Structures are given as structure tokens and as C-alpha cells.
Amino acid sequence: MASEAAVEAVVQAPDSPAADDEKAPRKWRTPGFQRMRLDWTTEDHAILDRAKATADGRLLREFPDAYRILNRIYDVVRTVATGPDGEPQKDQFGLAVWKKSQLGGFEEDFTKLSLKEKEDFLFSITTHSFEWQQQAADSWGEAMLAKAQWEERFSIGFDAPASGTVEDRTAHGRLDARDERYFALFLSMYSRKADALVRSIELLAQRLKDSMTF
């Protein structure tokens, strides 16, 4: 349809519109805005990708039953993506890669789930919810403790100089606490991902319950 074609055109379009004629003279009131960076540098992007992969790997280790249940459901409602050789594709953790449509959404059909399968998945999610919530709470607790370390390290760095302005001592404190700060931010990101995982699978359980007819 025309609407789908329009959406696909937007999805496949470049990140930014074509530049205007660069030969036309112009004056910029804010030159810095003209040079605004719109993405991470190559080096920073590599570190960001590594942080995401580390967080995702930890999620898989600490919530194995959640991923096991999700993939059992996906096995029924989704189609495994295959490579040029026809072999099923796997991600970096060895999990199946699911086929997507041209617009980027997963090809899935939840009507394939039988009533018995819905009951089984619903009971599995319910019996594991306590464990998952406790694990997510532990992740939040780690993030808070890391934040406390960061603040303490900053205070020590701030008090270390024998002299200097408040701005100088603040800069010294921030530099001294940079390792603790980034670690605390990473654990905050992981805590958010853990909480999102638990909320998402519990929402899935509610949808399964709503779709069951007795």
C-alpha cells in the first residue's frame, strides 16, 4: 500500500537530508551549531557497544529462565532468520535471530499459541516472578552502592588539594572519581535494563492471560 511504501522510504532514507548547495555563500550566527556532532565517534561507539554487550550478557546470565521462556514463545510465533546458505542465524550469545519484515518489525503470529501453551507459559512466568523481581532489586542496590562510592571518591578528591579555588578542587574531585562515576553509570544502565526485562515479561503474561478463553 502507499502508506507502507511511504514508511519504508523514511526507514531507508539517510540519517540527514541532502545538503544544500555548499557553493552558496552564507553566514552562520552560531558556527558551533553548524558543526554539531550527530553520532558517537568511532572510538566511543566501540566502547558503547562493548558496554551494551556486557550488560546484555549479564542479563542472560542472571535471568536465564526469562530468556528461556521468551524463546520458547518465539519458537512458536516467530520465524528463524536464515543466512545466504539457508542455515539458521544466531546472535553473539548463540540465541536464534528472528526474521523481520522490510519495515524492521518481527514477523510473528500469536494466534499460533494453543490454550495449553498459553497456560504453560503463564504458570512459568508467574512462578519465576518473585525471583526476577528480587534479582532486579539487587541490580538497583548495586547501582546505588556504586553511586555512593562515586560520591565518596569525589569528596576525597575534592579535599585532597591543599589550596585552590572551589572550581579547581571540583575539577580535581571529578577527575579523581572518574572511574567510579563511569562504573556507577554503567550499573545504572544495567539496572534499568533488568527492570525493563521484568516489566516486559510480566506484561506479556498479562496479555497471555487476557487472550485465554475458558
Protein backbone atom coordinates (compact mmCIF):
# COMPACT_ATOMS: atom_id res chain seq x y z
CA MET A 1 0.00 0.00 0.00
CA ALA A 2 1.02 3.62 -0.49
CA SER A 3 1.24 4.28 3.26
CA GLU A 4 3.57 1.31 3.81
CA ALA A 5 5.72 2.44 0.88
CA ALA A 6 5.98 5.89 2.42
CA VAL A 7 7.03 4.49 5.79
CA GLU A 8 9.59 2.23 4.14
CA ALA A 9 11.01 5.20 2.26
CA VAL A 10 11.53 7.04 5.54
CA VAL A 11 13.12 3.99 7.21
CA GLN A 12 15.58 3.51 4.35
CA ALA A 13 16.35 7.22 3.94
CA PRO A 14 19.71 8.64 5.06
CA ASP A 15 20.03 9.94 8.61
CA SER A 16 20.12 13.53 7.35
CA PRO A 17 18.61 15.29 4.33
CA ALA A 18 20.73 16.12 1.36
CA ALA A 19 22.91 19.13 1.94
CA ASP A 20 22.03 22.40 0.28
CA ASP A 21 24.25 23.82 -2.38
CA GLU A 22 27.53 24.25 -0.49
CA LYS A 23 28.70 26.83 -3.01
CA ALA A 24 26.06 29.33 -1.93
CA PRO A 25 27.61 31.91 0.41
CA ARG A 26 26.09 32.12 3.86
CA LYS A 27 26.86 33.44 7.30
CA TRP A 28 26.23 31.36 10.40
CA ARG A 29 25.20 33.17 13.57
CA THR A 30 26.15 30.07 15.57
CA PRO A 31 29.09 28.27 13.86
CA GLY A 32 29.18 25.59 16.55
CA PHE A 33 25.63 24.57 15.70
CA GLN A 34 26.67 24.09 12.07
CA ARG A 35 29.32 21.58 13.18
CA MET A 36 27.09 19.82 15.73
CA ARG A 37 28.04 16.16 16.07
CA LEU A 38 25.11 13.81 15.46
CA ASP A 39 26.64 10.48 16.44
CA TRP A 40 29.34 8.91 18.61
CA THR A 41 32.90 8.91 17.35
CA THR A 42 34.19 5.57 16.07
CA GLU A 43 36.25 5.02 19.22
CA ASP A 44 33.43 5.98 21.58
CA HIS A 45 30.93 3.87 19.64
CA ALA A 46 33.13 0.80 20.17
CA ILE A 47 33.16 1.37 23.93
CA LEU A 48 29.40 1.95 23.96
CA ASP A 49 28.79 -1.27 22.02
CA ARG A 50 31.01 -3.16 24.46
CA ALA A 51 29.08 -1.75 27.43
CA LYS A 52 25.76 -2.78 25.88
CA ALA A 53 27.06 -6.26 25.07
CA THR A 54 28.38 -6.66 28.62
CA ALA A 55 25.02 -5.62 30.08
CA ASP A 56 23.11 -7.93 27.74
CA GLY A 57 25.40 -10.83 28.60
CA ARG A 58 24.87 -10.26 32.30
CA LEU A 59 21.10 -10.14 31.78
CA LEU A 60 21.29 -13.50 30.07
CA ARG A 61 23.31 -15.00 32.93
CA GLU A 62 21.18 -13.57 35.73
CA PHE A 63 17.76 -14.07 34.10
CA PRO A 64 18.22 -17.34 32.17
CA ASP A 65 14.68 -18.57 32.84
CA ALA A 66 13.19 -15.35 31.48
CA TYR A 67 15.08 -15.73 28.21
CA ARG A 68 14.28 -19.45 28.10
CA ILE A 69 10.54 -18.74 28.35
CA LEU A 70 10.69 -15.90 25.83
CA ASN A 71 12.50 -18.03 23.29
CA ARG A 72 10.04 -20.90 23.78
CA ILE A 73 7.27 -18.47 22.89
CA TYR A 74 9.21 -17.07 19.95
CA ASP A 75 9.78 -20.58 18.65
CA VAL A 76 6.03 -20.84 18.19
CA VAL A 77 5.05 -17.37 16.99
CA ARG A 78 8.13 -16.25 15.03
CA THR A 79 10.27 -17.49 12.16
CA VAL A 80 14.01 -18.01 12.48
CA ALA A 81 16.09 -15.86 10.13
CA THR A 82 18.40 -17.75 7.80
CA GLY A 83 21.62 -16.76 6.10
CA PRO A 84 22.51 -16.98 2.41
CA ASP A 85 23.40 -20.63 2.94
CA GLY A 86 19.97 -21.35 4.41
CA GLU A 87 21.35 -22.03 7.88
CA PRO A 88 19.55 -20.54 10.94
CA GLN A 89 21.22 -17.37 12.19
CA LYS A 90 22.47 -16.96 15.76
CA ASP A 91 23.37 -13.85 17.72
CA GLN A 92 26.55 -13.32 19.75
CA PHE A 93 25.08 -15.33 22.64
CA GLY A 94 24.02 -18.26 20.48
CA LEU A 95 20.33 -17.37 20.54
CA ALA A 96 18.16 -17.52 17.44
CA VAL A 97 17.85 -14.41 15.28
CA TRP A 98 14.23 -13.87 14.30
CA LYS A 99 13.11 -12.86 10.83
CA LYS A 100 11.93 -9.27 10.34
CA SER A 101 9.77 -7.56 7.77
CA GLN A 102 11.07 -4.89 5.40
CA LEU A 103 9.95 -2.25 7.89
CA GLY A 104 12.06 -3.80 10.66
CA GLY A 105 9.31 -5.42 12.74
CA PHE A 106 9.37 -9.07 13.68
CA GLU A 107 7.22 -11.43 11.65
CA GLU A 108 5.08 -13.06 14.33
CA ASP A 109 1.64 -14.59 14.78
CA PHE A 110 0.49 -15.11 18.36
CA THR A 111 -2.63 -16.94 17.21
CA LYS A 112 -0.35 -19.95 16.77
CA LEU A 113 -0.24 -20.37 20.56
CA SER A 114 -2.66 -23.00 21.79
CA LEU A 115 -4.59 -22.66 25.03
CA LYS A 116 -2.41 -25.31 26.65
CA GLU A 117 0.76 -23.45 25.62
CA LYS A 118 -0.59 -20.18 26.99
CA GLU A 119 -1.38 -21.84 30.30
CA ASP A 120 2.09 -23.34 30.48
CA PHE A 121 3.85 -20.06 29.72
CA LEU A 122 1.64 -18.13 32.12
CA PHE A 123 2.38 -20.50 35.01
CA SER A 124 6.11 -20.44 34.20
CA ILE A 125 6.22 -16.64 34.28
CA THR A 126 4.17 -16.45 37.46
CA THR A 127 6.30 -18.93 39.38
CA HIS A 128 9.51 -17.08 38.44
CA SER A 129 8.28 -13.52 39.04
CA PHE A 130 9.45 -13.37 42.67
CA GLU A 131 12.96 -14.46 41.74
CA TRP A 132 13.15 -11.98 38.85
CA GLN A 133 11.91 -9.07 40.93
CA GLN A 134 14.44 -9.82 43.65
CA GLN A 135 17.24 -10.02 41.08
CA ALA A 136 16.21 -6.68 39.57
CA ALA A 137 16.12 -5.15 43.06
CA ASP A 138 19.65 -6.45 43.69
CA SER A 139 20.77 -4.75 40.48
CA TRP A 140 19.27 -1.47 41.66
CA GLY A 141 21.02 -1.90 45.01
CA GLU A 142 24.37 -2.40 43.26
CA ALA A 143 23.84 0.79 41.29
CA MET A 144 23.08 2.73 44.47
CA LEU A 145 26.16 1.39 46.24
CA ALA A 146 28.31 2.25 43.24
CA LYS A 147 26.86 5.77 43.31
CA ALA A 148 27.83 6.06 46.98
CA GLN A 149 31.39 5.02 46.11
CA TRP A 150 31.48 7.60 43.34
CA GLU A 151 30.32 10.38 45.70
CA GLU A 152 32.83 9.35 48.38
CA ARG A 153 35.70 9.24 45.89
CA PHE A 154 34.71 12.68 44.61
CA SER A 155 34.73 14.07 48.16
CA ILE A 156 38.20 12.64 48.79
CA GLY A 157 39.47 14.14 45.55
CA PHE A 158 37.85 17.48 46.34
CA ASP A 159 39.53 17.67 49.76
CA ALA A 160 42.95 16.49 48.55
CA PRO A 161 44.39 19.78 47.22
CA ALA A 162 45.90 21.91 49.96
CA SER A 163 44.88 25.06 48.11
CA GLY A 164 42.94 26.25 45.12
CA THR A 165 39.56 27.67 44.24
CA VAL A 166 36.31 25.73 44.62
CA GLU A 167 36.24 25.28 40.84
CA ASP A 168 39.79 23.88 40.86
CA ARG A 169 39.03 21.45 43.66
CA THR A 170 35.75 20.40 41.99
CA ALA A 171 37.63 19.65 38.78
CA HIS A 172 40.18 17.63 40.76
CA GLY A 173 37.43 15.72 42.54
CA ARG A 174 35.66 14.86 39.29
CA LEU A 175 38.88 13.70 37.67
CA ASP A 176 39.81 11.61 40.69
CA ALA A 177 36.38 9.93 40.74
CA ARG A 178 36.03 9.32 37.01
CA ASP A 179 36.42 5.52 37.22
CA GLU A 180 33.81 5.22 39.97
CA ARG A 181 31.49 7.56 38.09
CA TYR A 182 31.51 5.59 34.83
CA PHE A 183 31.11 2.30 36.71
CA ALA A 184 28.12 3.69 38.61
CA LEU A 185 26.55 4.92 35.38
CA PHE A 186 27.08 1.51 33.77
CA LEU A 187 25.39 -0.25 36.70
CA SER A 188 22.52 2.24 36.47
CA MET A 189 22.08 1.30 32.82
CA TYR A 190 22.11 -2.39 33.70
CA SER A 191 19.60 -1.86 36.50
CA ARG A 192 17.23 -0.11 34.07
CA LYS A 193 17.58 -2.97 31.58
CA ALA A 194 16.91 -5.58 34.28
CA ASP A 195 13.82 -3.72 35.46
CA ALA A 196 12.60 -3.33 31.87
CA LEU A 197 13.04 -7.06 31.26
CA VAL A 198 10.96 -7.99 34.29
CA ARG A 199 8.22 -5.48 33.49
CA SER A 200 8.09 -6.58 29.85
CA ILE A 201 7.74 -10.29 30.56
CA GLU A 202 5.12 -9.63 33.24
CA LEU A 203 3.19 -7.52 30.72
CA LEU A 204 3.46 -10.42 28.29
CA ALA A 205 1.98 -12.69 30.95
CA GLN A 206 -0.95 -10.32 31.34
CA ARG A 207 -1.54 -10.33 27.58
CA LEU A 208 -1.46 -14.14 27.55
CA LYS A 209 -3.98 -14.19 30.38
CA ASP A 210 -6.25 -11.72 28.58
CA SER A 211 -6.21 -13.82 25.42
CA MET A 212 -7.19 -17.05 27.15
CA THR A 213 -10.79 -18.19 26.90
CA PHE A 214 -12.16 -20.95 29.05
